[in-house]
Every structure is written in C-alpha cells, then in structure tokens.
Amino acid sequence: QVQLVESGGGLVQAGGSLRLSCAASGGTFSNYVMGWFRQAPGKEREFVSTIAWSSDMTMYADSVKGRFSISRDNAKSTVYLQMNSLKPEDTAVYYCAATSSWYFKPNDYNYWGQGTQVTVSS
C-alpha cells in the first residue's frame, strides 16, 4: 500500500510560481508512474501531468504545457510539480497519484494523496 502526502500549495498572485511536492511511502516508488491531477469547485478531476518510472517520459495537459514541469527523485520517493506563470484558472485542489502503467485518466490511478489547495488571485 502506497501512501502519498502532498505539500506546497498556497495562495499566489497571477503570474507567480509554486512548487508542489508529493512524498510517497509504503511501496517501491520507482515501480510507479506518478501523476498530478486537479479538481476545481464544481468540476471533474482532470489530468495535469504524469512522469514515467525513470523520468524518461513526461506528459502534460495542453492547459499547462510550457508553464508546469513535473519531476521526480526516486532516491527521495518524491514527485514535484513546478508551476510557473500561474493563472486564476489554475485554482484547484491538486492531487498526486500513483499507478503501475502509463495512464492519464484518474480512474487508472490506484493511490491518491489528500490534495493541496492552490489558489491564484487575479
């Protein structure tokens, strides 16, 4: 069983930056594809980014491409999401998740963190 704990959320002005972290425990971190998702009030949870086991592949939603960057440190069992040029529409609860294969849909991820709030003011 993998436990995931996100941190790094907060309130930031439009154009600012935040770095989210997700620390994993209870499993072999390098065995999992790690993803970031977000959910805004009244909306479905949506894919943000994912990174493969050895960081050799990454994928981003079109809405964040060029502004967000995902990375992982297998030695620290941690995945990161660097968010730059933030916009008010990026406001959401951000979740990290783990899965065993190269998936992009929330239902394909087995383990989830509790989420961290990101609020971008205009």
PDB file of N, CA and C in Angstrom:
ATOM      1  N   GLN A   1       0.843  -1.197   0.000  1.00  0.00           N
ATOM      2  CA  GLN A   1       0.000   0.000   0.000  1.00  0.00           C
ATOM      3  C   GLN A   1       0.874   1.242   0.000  1.00  0.00           C
ATOM      4  N   VAL A   2       0.599   2.129  -0.925  1.00  0.00           N
ATOM      5  CA  VAL A   2       1.375   3.353  -1.055  1.00  0.00           C
ATOM      6  C   VAL A   2       0.613   4.507  -0.415  1.00  0.00           C
ATOM      7  N   GLN A   3       1.303   5.262   0.403  1.00  0.00           N
ATOM      8  CA  GLN A   3       0.725   6.483   0.975  1.00  0.00           C
ATOM      9  C   GLN A   3       1.389   7.690   0.323  1.00  0.00           C
ATOM     10  N   LEU A   4       0.573   8.679  -0.017  1.00  0.00           N
ATOM     11  CA  LEU A   4       1.057   9.873  -0.697  1.00  0.00           C
ATOM     12  C   LEU A   4       0.646  11.109   0.093  1.00  0.00           C
ATOM     13  N   VAL A   5       1.584  12.021   0.279  1.00  0.00           N
ATOM     14  CA  VAL A   5       1.305  13.247   1.019  1.00  0.00           C
ATOM     15  C   VAL A   5       1.808  14.435   0.218  1.00  0.00           C
ATOM     16  N   GLU A   6       0.880  15.297  -0.192  1.00  0.00           N
ATOM     17  CA  GLU A   6       1.235  16.490  -0.956  1.00  0.00           C
ATOM     18  C   GLU A   6       1.536  17.657  -0.021  1.00  0.00           C
ATOM     19  N   SER A   7       2.333  18.581  -0.518  1.00  0.00           N
ATOM     20  CA  SER A   7       2.608  19.821   0.206  1.00  0.00           C
ATOM     21  C   SER A   7       2.994  20.886  -0.805  1.00  0.00           C
ATOM     22  N   GLY A   8       3.007  22.132  -0.348  1.00  0.00           N
ATOM     23  CA  GLY A   8       3.478  23.213  -1.194  1.00  0.00           C
ATOM     24  C   GLY A   8       2.395  24.099  -1.777  1.00  0.00           C
ATOM     25  N   GLY A   9       1.138  23.771  -1.536  1.00  0.00           N
ATOM     26  CA  GLY A   9       0.083  24.626  -2.047  1.00  0.00           C
ATOM     27  C   GLY A   9       0.009  25.935  -1.290  1.00  0.00           C
ATOM     28  N   GLY A  10      -0.836  26.833  -1.784  1.00  0.00           N
ATOM     29  CA  GLY A  10      -0.991  28.111  -1.114  1.00  0.00           C
ATOM     30  C   GLY A  10      -1.662  29.122  -1.999  1.00  0.00           C
ATOM     31  N   LEU A  11      -1.596  30.373  -1.572  1.00  0.00           N
ATOM     32  CA  LEU A  11      -2.181  31.492  -2.297  1.00  0.00           C
ATOM     33  C   LEU A  11      -1.073  32.255  -3.002  1.00  0.00           C
ATOM     34  N   VAL A  12      -1.270  32.514  -4.269  1.00  0.00           N
ATOM     35  CA  VAL A  12      -0.259  33.221  -5.058  1.00  0.00           C
ATOM     36  C   VAL A  12      -0.969  34.140  -6.043  1.00  0.00           C
ATOM     37  N   GLN A  13      -0.322  35.229  -6.393  1.00  0.00           N
ATOM     38  CA  GLN A  13      -0.887  36.133  -7.385  1.00  0.00           C
ATOM     39  C   GLN A  13      -0.674  35.586  -8.788  1.00  0.00           C
ATOM     40  N   ALA A  14      -1.531  36.003  -9.696  1.00  0.00           N
ATOM     41  CA  ALA A  14      -1.380  35.611 -11.093  1.00  0.00           C
ATOM     42  C   ALA A  14       0.016  35.987 -11.586  1.00  0.00           C
ATOM     43  N   GLY A  15       0.614  35.064 -12.327  1.00  0.00           N
ATOM     44  CA  GLY A  15       1.977  35.264 -12.804  1.00  0.00           C
ATOM     45  C   GLY A  15       3.041  34.699 -11.886  1.00  0.00           C
ATOM     46  N   GLY A  16       2.631  34.305 -10.688  1.00  0.00           N
ATOM     47  CA  GLY A  16       3.572  33.770  -9.719  1.00  0.00           C
ATOM     48  C   GLY A  16       3.845  32.295  -9.917  1.00  0.00           C
ATOM     49  N   SER A  17       4.611  31.746  -8.982  1.00  0.00           N
ATOM     50  CA  SER A  17       5.034  30.350  -9.073  1.00  0.00           C
ATOM     51  C   SER A  17       4.809  29.633  -7.750  1.00  0.00           C
ATOM     52  N   LEU A  18       4.612  28.338  -7.847  1.00  0.00           N
ATOM     53  CA  LEU A  18       4.555  27.455  -6.695  1.00  0.00           C
ATOM     54  C   LEU A  18       5.200  26.130  -7.087  1.00  0.00           C
ATOM     55  N   ARG A  19       5.740  25.453  -6.094  1.00  0.00           N
ATOM     56  CA  ARG A  19       6.293  24.119  -6.313  1.00  0.00           C
ATOM     57  C   ARG A  19       5.592  23.154  -5.377  1.00  0.00           C
ATOM     58  N   LEU A  20       4.882  22.208  -5.944  1.00  0.00           N
ATOM     59  CA  LEU A  20       4.223  21.178  -5.159  1.00  0.00           C
ATOM     60  C   LEU A  20       5.149  19.975  -5.010  1.00  0.00           C
ATOM     61  N   SER A  21       5.069  19.343  -3.859  1.00  0.00           N
ATOM     62  CA  SER A  21       5.814  18.115  -3.602  1.00  0.00           C
ATOM     63  C   SER A  21       4.841  17.028  -3.183  1.00  0.00           C
ATOM     64  N   CYS A  22       5.201  15.797  -3.476  1.00  0.00           N
ATOM     65  CA  CYS A  22       4.390  14.655  -3.060  1.00  0.00           C
ATOM     66  C   CYS A  22       5.358  13.569  -2.588  1.00  0.00           C
ATOM     67  N   ALA A  23       5.316  13.290  -1.299  1.00  0.00           N
ATOM     68  CA  ALA A  23       6.195  12.275  -0.719  1.00  0.00           C
ATOM     69  C   ALA A  23       5.450  10.950  -0.608  1.00  0.00           C
ATOM     70  N   ALA A  24       6.104   9.902  -1.059  1.00  0.00           N
ATOM     71  CA  ALA A  24       5.493   8.577  -1.056  1.00  0.00           C
ATOM     72  C   ALA A  24       6.145   7.685  -0.011  1.00  0.00           C
ATOM     73  N   SER A  25       5.362   6.779   0.522  1.00  0.00           N
ATOM     74  CA  SER A  25       5.888   5.786   1.462  1.00  0.00           C
ATOM     75  C   SER A  25       5.072   4.508   1.338  1.00  0.00           C
ATOM     76  N   GLY A  26       5.631   3.423   1.826  1.00  0.00           N
ATOM     77  CA  GLY A  26       4.892   2.170   1.856  1.00  0.00           C
ATOM     78  C   GLY A  26       5.025   1.316   0.622  1.00  0.00           C
ATOM     79  N   GLY A  27       5.813   1.732  -0.332  1.00  0.00           N
ATOM     80  CA  GLY A  27       5.991   0.932  -1.531  1.00  0.00           C
ATOM     81  C   GLY A  27       7.309   1.267  -2.193  1.00  0.00           C
ATOM     82  N   THR A  28       7.604   0.609  -3.302  1.00  0.00           N
ATOM     83  CA  THR A  28       8.819   0.901  -4.061  1.00  0.00           C
ATOM     84  C   THR A  28       8.493   1.989  -5.064  1.00  0.00           C
ATOM     85  N   PHE A  29       8.922   3.195  -4.749  1.00  0.00           N
ATOM     86  CA  PHE A  29       8.496   4.379  -5.509  1.00  0.00           C
ATOM     87  C   PHE A  29       8.806   4.241  -6.996  1.00  0.00           C
ATOM     88  N   SER A  30       9.961   3.688  -7.315  1.00  0.00           N
ATOM     89  CA  SER A  30      10.376   3.611  -8.720  1.00  0.00           C
ATOM     90  C   SER A  30       9.532   2.620  -9.530  1.00  0.00           C
ATOM     91  N   ASN A  31       8.674   1.871  -8.875  1.00  0.00           N
ATOM     92  CA  ASN A  31       7.782   0.955  -9.581  1.00  0.00           C
ATOM     93  C   ASN A  31       6.529   1.634 -10.120  1.00  0.00           C
ATOM     94  N   TYR A  32       6.354   2.915  -9.792  1.00  0.00           N
ATOM     95  CA  TYR A  32       5.106   3.594 -10.102  1.00  0.00           C
ATOM     96  C   TYR A  32       5.300   4.768 -11.045  1.00  0.00           C
ATOM     97  N   VAL A  33       4.368   4.883 -11.968  1.00  0.00           N
ATOM     98  CA  VAL A  33       4.177   6.109 -12.716  1.00  0.00           C
ATOM     99  C   VAL A  33       3.453   7.077 -11.780  1.00  0.00           C
ATOM    100  N   MET A  34       3.926   8.306 -11.755  1.00  0.00           N
ATOM    101  CA  MET A  34       3.338   9.300 -10.856  1.00  0.00           C
ATOM    102  C   MET A  34       2.637  10.385 -11.659  1.00  0.00           C
ATOM    103  N   GLY A  35       1.492  10.789 -11.171  1.00  0.00           N
ATOM    104  CA  GLY A  35       0.726  11.805 -11.869  1.00  0.00           C
ATOM    105  C   GLY A  35       0.248  12.902 -10.944  1.00  0.00           C
ATOM    106  N   TRP A  36      -0.040  14.036 -11.541  1.00  0.00           N
ATOM    107  CA  TRP A  36      -0.686  15.146 -10.848  1.00  0.00           C
ATOM    108  C   TRP A  36      -2.034  15.403 -11.517  1.00  0.00           C
ATOM    109  N   PHE A  37      -3.030  15.591 -10.704  1.00  0.00           N
ATOM    110  CA  PHE A  37      -4.378  15.912 -11.159  1.00  0.00           C
ATOM    111  C   PHE A  37      -4.865  17.122 -10.366  1.00  0.00           C
ATOM    112  N   ARG A  38      -5.934  17.727 -10.848  1.00  0.00           N
ATOM    113  CA  ARG A  38      -6.516  18.835 -10.097  1.00  0.00           C
ATOM    114  C   ARG A  38      -8.020  18.830 -10.235  1.00  0.00           C
ATOM    115  N   GLN A  39      -8.656  19.405  -9.234  1.00  0.00           N
ATOM    116  CA  GLN A  39     -10.112  19.489  -9.244  1.00  0.00           C
ATOM    117  C   GLN A  39     -10.544  20.840  -8.717  1.00  0.00           C
ATOM    118  N   ALA A  40     -11.213  21.591  -9.575  1.00  0.00           N
ATOM    119  CA  ALA A  40     -11.762  22.889  -9.203  1.00  0.00           C
ATOM    120  C   ALA A  40     -13.192  22.692  -8.713  1.00  0.00           C
ATOM    121  N   PRO A  41     -13.708  23.632  -7.931  1.00  0.00           N
ATOM    122  CA  PRO A  41     -15.076  23.502  -7.423  1.00  0.00           C
ATOM    123  C   PRO A  41     -16.089  23.331  -8.548  1.00  0.00           C
ATOM    124  N   GLY A  42     -16.932  22.328  -8.424  1.00  0.00           N
ATOM    125  CA  GLY A  42     -17.969  22.093  -9.417  1.00  0.00           C
ATOM    126  C   GLY A  42     -17.499  21.433 -10.693  1.00  0.00           C
ATOM    127  N   LYS A  43     -16.231  21.052 -10.733  1.00  0.00           N
ATOM    128  CA  LYS A  43     -15.691  20.434 -11.946  1.00  0.00           C
ATOM    129  C   LYS A  43     -15.161  19.046 -11.643  1.00  0.00           C
ATOM    130  N   GLU A  44     -15.006  18.253 -12.691  1.00  0.00           N
ATOM    131  CA  GLU A  44     -14.442  16.929 -12.534  1.00  0.00           C
ATOM    132  C   GLU A  44     -12.927  17.019 -12.332  1.00  0.00           C
ATOM    133  N   ARG A  45     -12.395  15.987 -11.717  1.00  0.00           N
ATOM    134  CA  ARG A  45     -10.951  15.910 -11.560  1.00  0.00           C
ATOM    135  C   ARG A  45     -10.327  15.747 -12.940  1.00  0.00           C
ATOM    136  N   GLU A  46      -9.257  16.511 -13.204  1.00  0.00           N
ATOM    137  CA  GLU A  46      -8.646  16.477 -14.526  1.00  0.00           C
ATOM    138  C   GLU A  46      -7.147  16.208 -14.448  1.00  0.00           C
ATOM    139  N   PHE A  47      -6.667  15.614 -15.500  1.00  0.00           N
ATOM    140  CA  PHE A  47      -5.242  15.302 -15.626  1.00  0.00           C
ATOM    141  C   PHE A  47      -4.431  16.582 -15.784  1.00  0.00           C
ATOM    142  N   VAL A  48      -3.297  16.653 -15.108  1.00  0.00           N
ATOM    143  CA  VAL A  48      -2.370  17.780 -15.242  1.00  0.00           C
ATOM    144  C   VAL A  48      -1.062  17.312 -15.888  1.00  0.00           C
ATOM    145  N   SER A  49      -0.443  16.292 -15.289  1.00  0.00           N
ATOM    146  CA  SER A  49       0.852  15.853 -15.779  1.00  0.00           C
ATOM    147  C   SER A  49       1.161  14.471 -15.234  1.00  0.00           C
ATOM    148  N   THR A  50       2.046  13.760 -15.930  1.00  0.00           N
ATOM    149  CA  THR A  50       2.494  12.470 -15.448  1.00  0.00           C
ATOM    150  C   THR A  50       3.953  12.252 -15.835  1.00  0.00           C
ATOM    151  N   ILE A  51       4.623  11.417 -15.070  1.00  0.00           N
ATOM    152  CA  ILE A  51       6.036  11.144 -15.306  1.00  0.00           C
ATOM    153  C   ILE A  51       6.273   9.652 -15.137  1.00  0.00           C
ATOM    154  N   ALA A  52       7.080   9.110 -16.040  1.00  0.00           N
ATOM    155  CA  ALA A  52       7.337   7.672 -16.041  1.00  0.00           C
ATOM    156  C   ALA A  52       8.308   7.264 -14.938  1.00  0.00           C
ATOM    157  N   TRP A  53       8.490   5.991 -14.796  1.00  0.00           N
ATOM    158  CA  TRP A  53       9.236   5.409 -13.701  1.00  0.00           C
ATOM    159  C   TRP A  53      10.640   6.001 -13.528  1.00  0.00           C
ATOM    160  N   SER A  54      11.342   6.181 -14.664  1.00  0.00           N
ATOM    161  CA  SER A  54      12.718   6.680 -14.605  1.00  0.00           C
ATOM    162  C   SER A  54      12.851   8.084 -15.182  1.00  0.00           C
ATOM    163  N   SER A  55      11.742   8.799 -15.205  1.00  0.00           N
ATOM    164  CA  SER A  55      11.709  10.190 -15.689  1.00  0.00           C
ATOM    165  C   SER A  55      11.995  10.310 -17.183  1.00  0.00           C
ATOM    166  N   ASP A  56      11.976   9.213 -17.928  1.00  0.00           N
ATOM    167  CA  ASP A  56      12.303   9.280 -19.351  1.00  0.00           C
ATOM    168  C   ASP A  56      11.118   9.720 -20.200  1.00  0.00           C
ATOM    169  N   MET A  57       9.944   9.733 -19.613  1.00  0.00           N
ATOM    170  CA  MET A  57       8.763  10.219 -20.338  1.00  0.00           C
ATOM    171  C   MET A  57       7.947  11.114 -19.421  1.00  0.00           C
ATOM    172  N   THR A  58       7.445  12.200 -19.984  1.00  0.00           N
ATOM    173  CA  THR A  58       6.518  13.072 -19.277  1.00  0.00           C
ATOM    174  C   THR A  58       5.392  13.453 -20.223  1.00  0.00           C
ATOM    175  N   MET A  59       4.277  13.848 -19.631  1.00  0.00           N
ATOM    176  CA  MET A  59       3.127  14.270 -20.421  1.00  0.00           C
ATOM    177  C   MET A  59       2.424  15.379 -19.662  1.00  0.00           C
ATOM    178  N   TYR A  60       1.884  16.345 -20.416  1.00  0.00           N
ATOM    179  CA  TYR A  60       1.206  17.481 -19.801  1.00  0.00           C
ATOM    180  C   TYR A  60      -0.139  17.727 -20.476  1.00  0.00           C
ATOM    181  N   ALA A  61      -1.070  18.215 -19.707  1.00  0.00           N
ATOM    182  CA  ALA A  61      -2.308  18.713 -20.294  1.00  0.00           C
ATOM    183  C   ALA A  61      -1.990  19.960 -21.108  1.00  0.00           C
ATOM    184  N   ASP A  62      -2.736  20.182 -22.171  1.00  0.00           N
ATOM    185  CA  ASP A  62      -2.483  21.350 -23.022  1.00  0.00           C
ATOM    186  C   ASP A  62      -2.582  22.650 -22.222  1.00  0.00           C
ATOM    187  N   SER A  63      -3.443  22.676 -21.240  1.00  0.00           N
ATOM    188  CA  SER A  63      -3.677  23.901 -20.476  1.00  0.00           C
ATOM    189  C   SER A  63      -2.479  24.322 -19.624  1.00  0.00           C
ATOM    190  N   VAL A  64      -1.557  23.395 -19.361  1.00  0.00           N
ATOM    191  CA  VAL A  64      -0.409  23.726 -18.507  1.00  0.00           C
ATOM    192  C   VAL A  64       0.923  23.586 -19.238  1.00  0.00           C
ATOM    193  N   LYS A  65       0.887  23.104 -20.465  1.00  0.00           N
ATOM    194  CA  LYS A  65       2.115  22.872 -21.224  1.00  0.00           C
ATOM    195  C   LYS A  65       2.896  24.171 -21.379  1.00  0.00           C
ATOM    196  N   GLY A  66       4.187  24.098 -21.094  1.00  0.00           N
ATOM    197  CA  GLY A  66       5.039  25.272 -21.180  1.00  0.00           C
ATOM    198  C   GLY A  66       5.088  26.098 -19.912  1.00  0.00           C
ATOM    199  N   ARG A  67       4.188  25.819 -18.973  1.00  0.00           N
ATOM    200  CA  ARG A  67       4.172  26.558 -17.700  1.00  0.00           C
ATOM    201  C   ARG A  67       4.495  25.659 -16.512  1.00  0.00           C
ATOM    202  N   PHE A  68       4.090  24.417 -16.576  1.00  0.00           N
ATOM    203  CA  PHE A  68       4.306  23.470 -15.483  1.00  0.00           C
ATOM    204  C   PHE A  68       5.393  22.475 -15.886  1.00  0.00           C
ATOM    205  N   SER A  69       6.098  21.983 -14.866  1.00  0.00           N
ATOM    206  CA  SER A  69       7.142  20.991 -15.107  1.00  0.00           C
ATOM    207  C   SER A  69       7.101  19.938 -14.004  1.00  0.00           C
ATOM    208  N   ILE A  70       7.018  18.682 -14.403  1.00  0.00           N
ATOM    209  CA  ILE A  70       6.984  17.584 -13.449  1.00  0.00           C
ATOM    210  C   ILE A  70       8.370  16.950 -13.374  1.00  0.00           C
ATOM    211  N   SER A  71       8.724  16.514 -12.184  1.00  0.00           N
ATOM    212  CA  SER A  71       9.996  15.816 -11.993  1.00  0.00           C
ATOM    213  C   SER A  71       9.846  14.857 -10.820  1.00  0.00           C
ATOM    214  N   ARG A  72      10.805  13.958 -10.695  1.00  0.00           N
ATOM    215  CA  ARG A  72      10.762  13.018  -9.572  1.00  0.00           C
ATOM    216  C   ARG A  72      12.170  12.718  -9.111  1.00  0.00           C
ATOM    217  N   ASP A  73      12.282  12.358  -7.848  1.00  0.00           N
ATOM    218  CA  ASP A  73      13.542  11.948  -7.259  1.00  0.00           C
ATOM    219  C   ASP A  73      13.283  10.595  -6.617  1.00  0.00           C
ATOM    220  N   ASN A  74      13.663   9.530  -7.304  1.00  0.00           N
ATOM    221  CA  ASN A  74      13.367   8.188  -6.792  1.00  0.00           C
ATOM    222  C   ASN A  74      14.108   7.894  -5.496  1.00  0.00           C
ATOM    223  N   ALA A  75      15.262   8.498  -5.304  1.00  0.00           N
ATOM    224  CA  ALA A  75      16.007   8.287  -4.062  1.00  0.00           C
ATOM    225  C   ALA A  75      15.266   8.873  -2.857  1.00  0.00           C
ATOM    226  N   LYS A  76      14.484   9.925  -3.112  1.00  0.00           N
ATOM    227  CA  LYS A  76      13.718  10.570  -2.040  1.00  0.00           C
ATOM    228  C   LYS A  76      12.247  10.179  -2.064  1.00  0.00           C
ATOM    229  N   SER A  77      11.874   9.326  -3.015  1.00  0.00           N
ATOM    230  CA  SER A  77      10.471   8.893  -3.144  1.00  0.00           C
ATOM    231  C   SER A  77       9.531  10.087  -3.212  1.00  0.00           C
ATOM    232  N   THR A  78       9.905  11.047  -4.032  1.00  0.00           N
ATOM    233  CA  THR A  78       9.154  12.305  -4.113  1.00  0.00           C
ATOM    234  C   THR A  78       8.964  12.709  -5.566  1.00  0.00           C
ATOM    235  N   VAL A  79       7.782  13.208  -5.858  1.00  0.00           N
ATOM    236  CA  VAL A  79       7.492  13.787  -7.167  1.00  0.00           C
ATOM    237  C   VAL A  79       7.141  15.257  -6.963  1.00  0.00           C
ATOM    238  N   TYR A  80       7.524  16.070  -7.929  1.00  0.00           N
ATOM    239  CA  TYR A  80       7.356  17.520  -7.829  1.00  0.00           C
ATOM    240  C   TYR A  80       6.543  18.038  -9.009  1.00  0.00           C
ATOM    241  N   LEU A  81       5.897  19.164  -8.779  1.00  0.00           N
ATOM    242  CA  LEU A  81       5.244  19.881  -9.864  1.00  0.00           C
ATOM    243  C   LEU A  81       5.600  21.355  -9.714  1.00  0.00           C
ATOM    244  N   GLN A  82       6.471  21.820 -10.589  1.00  0.00           N
ATOM    245  CA  GLN A  82       6.835  23.241 -10.621  1.00  0.00           C
ATOM    246  C   GLN A  82       5.819  23.970 -11.481  1.00  0.00           C
ATOM    247  N   MET A  83       5.156  24.945 -10.897  1.00  0.00           N
ATOM    248  CA  MET A  83       4.107  25.671 -11.600  1.00  0.00           C
ATOM    249  C   MET A  83       4.517  27.130 -11.730  1.00  0.00           C
ATOM    250  N   ASN A  84       4.706  27.579 -12.957  1.00  0.00           N
ATOM    251  CA  ASN A  84       5.090  28.959 -13.244  1.00  0.00           C
ATOM    252  C   ASN A  84       3.985  29.661 -14.019  1.00  0.00           C
ATOM    253  N   SER A  85       4.063  30.971 -14.050  1.00  0.00           N
ATOM    254  CA  SER A  85       3.086  31.783 -14.799  1.00  0.00           C
ATOM    255  C   SER A  85       1.662  31.371 -14.460  1.00  0.00           C
ATOM    256  N   LEU A  86       1.396  31.263 -13.187  1.00  0.00           N
ATOM    257  CA  LEU A  86       0.096  30.772 -12.748  1.00  0.00           C
ATOM    258  C   LEU A  86      -1.020  31.731 -13.128  1.00  0.00           C
ATOM    259  N   LYS A  87      -2.170  31.140 -13.424  1.00  0.00           N
ATOM    260  CA  LYS A  87      -3.354  31.886 -13.830  1.00  0.00           C
ATOM    261  C   LYS A  87      -4.490  31.592 -12.841  1.00  0.00           C
ATOM    262  N   PRO A  88      -5.455  32.498 -12.745  1.00  0.00           N
ATOM    263  CA  PRO A  88      -6.598  32.231 -11.848  1.00  0.00           C
ATOM    264  C   PRO A  88      -7.294  30.912 -12.158  1.00  0.00           C
ATOM    265  N   GLU A  89      -7.302  30.520 -13.428  1.00  0.00           N
ATOM    266  CA  GLU A  89      -7.960  29.261 -13.795  1.00  0.00           C
ATOM    267  C   GLU A  89      -7.182  28.030 -13.349  1.00  0.00           C
ATOM    268  N   ASP A  90      -5.998  28.214 -12.818  1.00  0.00           N
ATOM    269  CA  ASP A  90      -5.243  27.095 -12.239  1.00  0.00           C
ATOM    270  C   ASP A  90      -5.700  26.803 -10.803  1.00  0.00           C
ATOM    271  N   THR A  91      -6.557  27.640 -10.259  1.00  0.00           N
ATOM    272  CA  THR A  91      -7.049  27.437  -8.900  1.00  0.00           C
ATOM    273  C   THR A  91      -7.793  26.111  -8.790  1.00  0.00           C
ATOM    274  N   ALA A  92      -7.356  25.273  -7.852  1.00  0.00           N
ATOM    275  CA  ALA A  92      -7.934  23.936  -7.690  1.00  0.00           C
ATOM    276  C   ALA A  92      -7.250  23.245  -6.516  1.00  0.00           C
ATOM    277  N   VAL A  93      -7.805  22.120  -6.135  1.00  0.00           N
ATOM    278  CA  VAL A  93      -7.097  21.209  -5.251  1.00  0.00           C
ATOM    279  C   VAL A  93      -6.250  20.297  -6.138  1.00  0.00           C
ATOM    280  N   TYR A  94      -4.974  20.219  -5.838  1.00  0.00           N
ATOM    281  CA  TYR A  94      -4.047  19.413  -6.626  1.00  0.00           C
ATOM    282  C   TYR A  94      -3.743  18.118  -5.880  1.00  0.00           C
ATOM    283  N   TYR A  95      -3.851  17.035  -6.627  1.00  0.00           N
ATOM    284  CA  TYR A  95      -3.632  15.702  -6.062  1.00  0.00           C
ATOM    285  C   TYR A  95      -2.481  15.012  -6.788  1.00  0.00           C
ATOM    286  N   CYS A  96      -1.660  14.305  -6.043  1.00  0.00           N
ATOM    287  CA  CYS A  96      -0.733  13.395  -6.711  1.00  0.00           C
ATOM    288  C   CYS A  96      -1.297  11.989  -6.605  1.00  0.00           C
ATOM    289  N   ALA A  97      -0.897  11.160  -7.550  1.00  0.00           N
ATOM    290  CA  ALA A  97      -1.433   9.813  -7.625  1.00  0.00           C
ATOM    291  C   ALA A  97      -0.387   8.879  -8.213  1.00  0.00           C
ATOM    292  N   ALA A  98      -0.547   7.599  -7.944  1.00  0.00           N
ATOM    293  CA  ALA A  98       0.396   6.591  -8.411  1.00  0.00           C
ATOM    294  C   ALA A  98      -0.338   5.465  -9.130  1.00  0.00           C
ATOM    295  N   THR A  99       0.321   4.963 -10.165  1.00  0.00           N
ATOM    296  CA  THR A  99      -0.222   3.831 -10.906  1.00  0.00           C
ATOM    297  C   THR A  99       0.933   2.995 -11.428  1.00  0.00           C
ATOM    298  N   SER A 100       0.621   1.789 -11.879  1.00  0.00           N
ATOM    299  CA  SER A 100       1.690   0.892 -12.315  1.00  0.00           C
ATOM    300  C   SER A 100       1.997   0.998 -13.798  1.00  0.00           C
ATOM    301  N   SER A 101       1.127   1.667 -14.562  1.00  0.00           N
ATOM    302  CA  SER A 101       1.326   1.744 -16.014  1.00  0.00           C
ATOM    303  C   SER A 101       1.177   3.181 -16.505  1.00  0.00           C
ATOM    304  N   TRP A 102       1.399   3.388 -17.774  1.00  0.00           N
ATOM    305  CA  TRP A 102       1.402   4.717 -18.382  1.00  0.00           C
ATOM    306  C   TRP A 102      -0.033   5.134 -18.706  1.00  0.00           C
ATOM    307  N   TYR A 103      -0.679   5.757 -17.703  1.00  0.00           N
ATOM    308  CA  TYR A 103      -2.070   6.143 -17.815  1.00  0.00           C
ATOM    309  C   TYR A 103      -2.236   7.637 -17.598  1.00  0.00           C
ATOM    310  N   PHE A 104      -3.376   8.172 -18.104  1.00  0.00           N
ATOM    311  CA  PHE A 104      -3.651   9.595 -17.948  1.00  0.00           C
ATOM    312  C   PHE A 104      -4.995   9.878 -17.292  1.00  0.00           C
ATOM    313  N   LYS A 105      -5.818   8.849 -17.133  1.00  0.00           N
ATOM    314  CA  LYS A 105      -7.145   9.065 -16.587  1.00  0.00           C
ATOM    315  C   LYS A 105      -7.163   8.801 -15.083  1.00  0.00           C
ATOM    316  N   PRO A 106      -7.906   9.609 -14.324  1.00  0.00           N
ATOM    317  CA  PRO A 106      -7.930   9.420 -12.865  1.00  0.00           C
ATOM    318  C   PRO A 106      -8.307   8.004 -12.445  1.00  0.00           C
ATOM    319  N   ASN A 107      -9.246   7.395 -13.139  1.00  0.00           N
ATOM    320  CA  ASN A 107      -9.709   6.067 -12.746  1.00  0.00           C
ATOM    321  C   ASN A 107      -8.630   5.004 -12.865  1.00  0.00           C
ATOM    322  N   ASP A 108      -7.574   5.293 -13.607  1.00  0.00           N
ATOM    323  CA  ASP A 108      -6.496   4.318 -13.800  1.00  0.00           C
ATOM    324  C   ASP A 108      -5.407   4.420 -12.736  1.00  0.00           C
ATOM    325  N   TYR A 109      -5.561   5.371 -11.825  1.00  0.00           N
ATOM    326  CA  TYR A 109      -4.580   5.529 -10.755  1.00  0.00           C
ATOM    327  C   TYR A 109      -5.098   4.872  -9.478  1.00  0.00           C
ATOM    328  N   ASN A 110      -4.218   4.132  -8.821  1.00  0.00           N
ATOM    329  CA  ASN A 110      -4.635   3.318  -7.695  1.00  0.00           C
ATOM    330  C   ASN A 110      -4.512   4.021  -6.346  1.00  0.00           C
ATOM    331  N   TYR A 111      -3.538   4.900  -6.229  1.00  0.00           N
ATOM    332  CA  TYR A 111      -3.240   5.519  -4.942  1.00  0.00           C
ATOM    333  C   TYR A 111      -3.283   7.037  -5.089  1.00  0.00           C
ATOM    334  N   TRP A 112      -3.853   7.674  -4.067  1.00  0.00           N
ATOM    335  CA  TRP A 112      -4.051   9.122  -4.120  1.00  0.00           C
ATOM    336  C   TRP A 112      -3.638   9.776  -2.810  1.00  0.00           C
ATOM    337  N   GLY A 113      -3.137  11.006  -2.928  1.00  0.00           N
ATOM    338  CA  GLY A 113      -2.898  11.813  -1.754  1.00  0.00           C
ATOM    339  C   GLY A 113      -4.168  12.540  -1.350  1.00  0.00           C
ATOM    340  N   GLN A 114      -4.055  13.324  -0.291  1.00  0.00           N
ATOM    341  CA  GLN A 114      -5.230  14.018   0.242  1.00  0.00           C
ATOM    342  C   GLN A 114      -5.498  15.330  -0.476  1.00  0.00           C
ATOM    343  N   GLY A 115      -4.530  15.794  -1.249  1.00  0.00           N
ATOM    344  CA  GLY A 115      -4.692  17.024  -2.002  1.00  0.00           C
ATOM    345  C   GLY A 115      -4.130  18.232  -1.285  1.00  0.00           C
ATOM    346  N   THR A 116      -3.753  19.226  -2.065  1.00  0.00           N
ATOM    347  CA  THR A 116      -3.268  20.502  -1.531  1.00  0.00           C
ATOM    348  C   THR A 116      -3.901  21.623  -2.349  1.00  0.00           C
ATOM    349  N   GLN A 117      -4.384  22.644  -1.656  1.00  0.00           N
ATOM    350  CA  GLN A 117      -5.105  23.733  -2.313  1.00  0.00           C
ATOM    351  C   GLN A 117      -4.138  24.719  -2.946  1.00  0.00           C
ATOM    352  N   VAL A 118      -4.409  25.055  -4.190  1.00  0.00           N
ATOM    353  CA  VAL A 118      -3.692  26.121  -4.883  1.00  0.00           C
ATOM    354  C   VAL A 118      -4.714  27.173  -5.282  1.00  0.00           C
ATOM    355  N   THR A 119      -4.488  28.390  -4.843  1.00  0.00           N
ATOM    356  CA  THR A 119      -5.385  29.493  -5.164  1.00  0.00           C
ATOM    357  C   THR A 119      -4.575  30.595  -5.829  1.00  0.00           C
ATOM    358  N   VAL A 120      -4.998  30.990  -7.027  1.00  0.00           N
ATOM    359  CA  VAL A 120      -4.315  32.030  -7.780  1.00  0.00           C
ATOM    360  C   VAL A 120      -5.234  33.231  -7.871  1.00  0.00           C
ATOM    361  N   SER A 121      -4.809  34.340  -7.316  1.00  0.00           N
ATOM    362  CA  SER A 121      -5.626  35.544  -7.323  1.00  0.00           C
ATOM    363  C   SER A 121      -5.278  36.409  -8.529  1.00  0.00           C
ATOM    364  N   SER A 122      -6.276  37.109  -9.018  1.00  0.00           N
ATOM    365  CA  SER A 122      -6.074  37.960 -10.211  1.00  0.00           C
ATOM    366  C   SER A 122      -5.642  39.361  -9.822  1.00  0.00           C
TER     367      SER A 122
END
